[in-house]
């Protein structure tokens, strides 16, 4: 995802200026070490349940004060530094946007994305 382009397109949507006072962006990247044991990782293999991601996106886009939710997932074999997950949440107020981004991020990771790591050594 080109974040700059995505935000520029979002700003052109009808109703944007009337409904958006905050946008938050999550750009998850592949770490070079494992969360569990902090061993070095050469790559990860990612599988995505795209239907579940879309269902979650639609669910959170209906939350009060939310104008638009955009989610892009990357899958396949990825190496440290590669983009993994993009989420953009645009809404009226920070009180609306912050909890939606946090909760949606956790649910996408828990319910729609599986990863396996190839560790070094």
C-alpha atoms as a PDB file:
ATOM      1  CA  UNK A   1       0.000   0.000   0.000  1.00  0.00           C
ATOM      2  CA  UNK A   2       1.188   3.479  -0.809  1.00  0.00           C
ATOM      3  CA  UNK A   3       0.060   5.285   2.349  1.00  0.00           C
ATOM      4  CA  UNK A   4       0.383   8.747   0.826  1.00  0.00           C
ATOM      5  CA  UNK A   5      -1.720   7.771  -2.184  1.00  0.00           C
ATOM      6  CA  UNK A   6      -4.303   5.944  -0.048  1.00  0.00           C
ATOM      7  CA  UNK A   7      -4.754   8.960   2.220  1.00  0.00           C
ATOM      8  CA  UNK A   8      -4.981  11.308  -0.781  1.00  0.00           C
ATOM      9  CA  UNK A   9      -7.719   9.136  -2.315  1.00  0.00           C
ATOM     10  CA  UNK A  10      -9.556   8.927   0.998  1.00  0.00           C
ATOM     11  CA  UNK A  11      -9.555  12.719   1.267  1.00  0.00           C
ATOM     12  CA  UNK A  12     -11.319  12.893  -2.124  1.00  0.00           C
ATOM     13  CA  UNK A  13     -14.262  10.746  -1.008  1.00  0.00           C
ATOM     14  CA  UNK A  14     -17.583  12.558  -0.699  1.00  0.00           C
ATOM     15  CA  UNK A  15     -18.270  13.348   2.949  1.00  0.00           C
ATOM     16  CA  UNK A  16     -14.634  13.233   4.047  1.00  0.00           C
ATOM     17  CA  UNK A  17     -14.350  16.844   5.213  1.00  0.00           C
ATOM     18  CA  UNK A  18     -17.703  16.674   7.000  1.00  0.00           C
ATOM     19  CA  UNK A  19     -16.906  13.438   8.858  1.00  0.00           C
ATOM     20  CA  UNK A  20     -13.167  13.143   9.457  1.00  0.00           C
ATOM     21  CA  UNK A  21     -11.066  14.921  12.052  1.00  0.00           C
ATOM     22  CA  UNK A  22      -8.527  12.153  12.641  1.00  0.00           C
ATOM     23  CA  UNK A  23      -6.859   9.347  10.734  1.00  0.00           C
ATOM     24  CA  UNK A  24      -4.642   6.699  12.267  1.00  0.00           C
ATOM     25  CA  UNK A  25      -2.389   4.424  10.249  1.00  0.00           C
ATOM     26  CA  UNK A  26      -0.884   1.112  11.306  1.00  0.00           C
ATOM     27  CA  UNK A  27       2.000  -0.224   9.198  1.00  0.00           C
ATOM     28  CA  UNK A  28       3.083  -3.581  10.582  1.00  0.00           C
ATOM     29  CA  UNK A  29       6.426  -4.898   9.352  1.00  0.00           C
ATOM     30  CA  UNK A  30       8.193  -8.231   9.721  1.00  0.00           C
ATOM     31  CA  UNK A  31      10.568  -8.169  12.695  1.00  0.00           C
ATOM     32  CA  UNK A  32      14.027  -9.685  12.472  1.00  0.00           C
ATOM     33  CA  UNK A  33      13.483 -11.632  15.699  1.00  0.00           C
ATOM     34  CA  UNK A  34      10.842 -13.904  17.185  1.00  0.00           C
ATOM     35  CA  UNK A  35       8.481 -12.551  19.819  1.00  0.00           C
ATOM     36  CA  UNK A  36       8.646 -15.793  21.829  1.00  0.00           C
ATOM     37  CA  UNK A  37      12.367 -16.384  22.221  1.00  0.00           C
ATOM     38  CA  UNK A  38      13.897 -13.343  20.455  1.00  0.00           C
ATOM     39  CA  UNK A  39      15.870 -15.611  18.099  1.00  0.00           C
ATOM     40  CA  UNK A  40      16.717 -14.179  14.694  1.00  0.00           C
ATOM     41  CA  UNK A  41      14.184 -14.790  11.926  1.00  0.00           C
ATOM     42  CA  UNK A  42      15.187 -15.227   8.269  1.00  0.00           C
ATOM     43  CA  UNK A  43      11.602 -15.050   6.954  1.00  0.00           C
ATOM     44  CA  UNK A  44       7.991 -15.734   7.795  1.00  0.00           C
ATOM     45  CA  UNK A  45       5.206 -17.418   5.873  1.00  0.00           C
ATOM     46  CA  UNK A  46       1.888 -15.612   6.208  1.00  0.00           C
ATOM     47  CA  UNK A  47      -1.591 -16.881   5.356  1.00  0.00           C
ATOM     48  CA  UNK A  48      -4.608 -14.575   5.396  1.00  0.00           C
ATOM     49  CA  UNK A  49      -8.318 -15.333   5.661  1.00  0.00           C
ATOM     50  CA  UNK A  50      -9.400 -12.514   3.355  1.00  0.00           C
ATOM     51  CA  UNK A  51     -13.115 -13.077   3.958  1.00  0.00           C
ATOM     52  CA  UNK A  52     -12.589 -12.687   7.705  1.00  0.00           C
ATOM     53  CA  UNK A  53     -10.505  -9.532   7.193  1.00  0.00           C
ATOM     54  CA  UNK A  54     -13.287  -8.021   5.083  1.00  0.00           C
ATOM     55  CA  UNK A  55     -15.956  -8.989   7.618  1.00  0.00           C
ATOM     56  CA  UNK A  56     -13.952  -7.318  10.387  1.00  0.00           C
ATOM     57  CA  UNK A  57     -13.339  -4.234   8.246  1.00  0.00           C
ATOM     58  CA  UNK A  58     -17.059  -3.871   7.584  1.00  0.00           C
ATOM     59  CA  UNK A  59     -17.916  -4.429  11.260  1.00  0.00           C
ATOM     60  CA  UNK A  60     -15.576  -1.689  12.457  1.00  0.00           C
ATOM     61  CA  UNK A  61     -16.510   0.720   9.694  1.00  0.00           C
ATOM     62  CA  UNK A  62     -20.043   0.719  11.170  1.00  0.00           C
ATOM     63  CA  UNK A  63     -18.846   1.922  14.586  1.00  0.00           C
ATOM     64  CA  UNK A  64     -20.084   5.363  15.678  1.00  0.00           C
ATOM     65  CA  UNK A  65     -17.916   8.203  14.418  1.00  0.00           C
ATOM     66  CA  UNK A  66     -16.031   6.067  11.888  1.00  0.00           C
ATOM     67  CA  UNK A  67     -16.025   7.232   8.274  1.00  0.00           C
ATOM     68  CA  UNK A  68     -13.779   4.640   6.608  1.00  0.00           C
ATOM     69  CA  UNK A  69     -11.641   1.628   7.463  1.00  0.00           C
ATOM     70  CA  UNK A  70      -9.071   0.323   4.999  1.00  0.00           C
ATOM     71  CA  UNK A  71      -7.166  -2.921   5.579  1.00  0.00           C
ATOM     72  CA  UNK A  72      -4.481  -4.425   3.364  1.00  0.00           C
ATOM     73  CA  UNK A  73      -2.736  -7.648   4.296  1.00  0.00           C
ATOM     74  CA  UNK A  74       0.370  -9.131   2.730  1.00  0.00           C
ATOM     75  CA  UNK A  75       0.821 -12.862   2.467  1.00  0.00           C
ATOM     76  CA  UNK A  76       3.317 -15.402   1.272  1.00  0.00           C
ATOM     77  CA  UNK A  77       6.961 -15.587   2.274  1.00  0.00           C
ATOM     78  CA  UNK A  78       8.164 -12.282   3.699  1.00  0.00           C
ATOM     79  CA  UNK A  79      11.525 -11.222   5.084  1.00  0.00           C
ATOM     80  CA  UNK A  80      12.400  -8.854   7.941  1.00  0.00           C
ATOM     81  CA  UNK A  81      11.567  -5.290   6.988  1.00  0.00           C
ATOM     82  CA  UNK A  82       8.783  -6.269   4.571  1.00  0.00           C
ATOM     83  CA  UNK A  83       5.355  -4.730   5.066  1.00  0.00           C
ATOM     84  CA  UNK A  84       2.914  -7.123   6.680  1.00  0.00           C
ATOM     85  CA  UNK A  85      -0.305  -5.276   7.494  1.00  0.00           C
ATOM     86  CA  UNK A  86      -1.739  -1.844   6.782  1.00  0.00           C
ATOM     87  CA  UNK A  87      -4.783  -0.424   8.536  1.00  0.00           C
ATOM     88  CA  UNK A  88      -6.172   3.075   8.070  1.00  0.00           C
ATOM     89  CA  UNK A  89      -9.028   4.267  10.283  1.00  0.00           C
ATOM     90  CA  UNK A  90     -10.611   7.649   9.531  1.00  0.00           C
ATOM     91  CA  UNK A  91     -13.235   9.125  11.809  1.00  0.00           C
ATOM     92  CA  UNK A  92     -14.603  12.143  13.540  1.00  0.00           C
ATOM     93  CA  UNK A  93     -12.770  12.223  16.867  1.00  0.00           C
ATOM     94  CA  UNK A  94      -9.778  10.540  18.489  1.00  0.00           C
ATOM     95  CA  UNK A  95     -12.178   8.983  21.005  1.00  0.00           C
ATOM     96  CA  UNK A  96     -13.818   7.208  18.054  1.00  0.00           C
ATOM     97  CA  UNK A  97     -10.709   6.337  16.046  1.00  0.00           C
ATOM     98  CA  UNK A  98      -8.117   5.173  18.602  1.00  0.00           C
ATOM     99  CA  UNK A  99     -10.102   2.279  20.106  1.00  0.00           C
ATOM    100  CA  UNK A 100     -11.265   1.096  16.679  1.00  0.00           C
ATOM    101  CA  UNK A 101      -7.714   0.871  15.360  1.00  0.00           C
ATOM    102  CA  UNK A 102      -6.470  -0.931  18.479  1.00  0.00           C
ATOM    103  CA  UNK A 103      -9.299  -3.450  18.614  1.00  0.00           C
ATOM    104  CA  UNK A 104      -9.385  -4.093  14.870  1.00  0.00           C
ATOM    105  CA  UNK A 105      -5.624  -4.647  14.768  1.00  0.00           C
ATOM    106  CA  UNK A 106      -5.804  -7.226  17.554  1.00  0.00           C
ATOM    107  CA  UNK A 107      -8.729  -9.042  15.970  1.00  0.00           C
ATOM    108  CA  UNK A 108      -7.194  -9.170  12.475  1.00  0.00           C
ATOM    109  CA  UNK A 109      -3.985 -10.604  13.946  1.00  0.00           C
ATOM    110  CA  UNK A 110      -5.887 -13.078  16.159  1.00  0.00           C
ATOM    111  CA  UNK A 111      -8.680 -14.136  13.803  1.00  0.00           C
ATOM    112  CA  UNK A 112      -7.495 -13.743  10.218  1.00  0.00           C
ATOM    113  CA  UNK A 113      -3.712 -14.011   9.979  1.00  0.00           C
ATOM    114  CA  UNK A 114      -1.464 -17.007  10.653  1.00  0.00           C
ATOM    115  CA  UNK A 115       2.326 -16.829  10.559  1.00  0.00           C
ATOM    116  CA  UNK A 116       5.127 -19.328  10.777  1.00  0.00           C
ATOM    117  CA  UNK A 117       8.699 -18.198  11.298  1.00  0.00           C
ATOM    118  CA  UNK A 118      11.909 -19.589   9.866  1.00  0.00           C
ATOM    119  CA  UNK A 119      14.496 -18.974  12.571  1.00  0.00           C
ATOM    120  CA  UNK A 120      18.214 -18.637  12.068  1.00  0.00           C
ATOM    121  CA  UNK A 121      20.287 -21.072  14.075  1.00  0.00           C
END
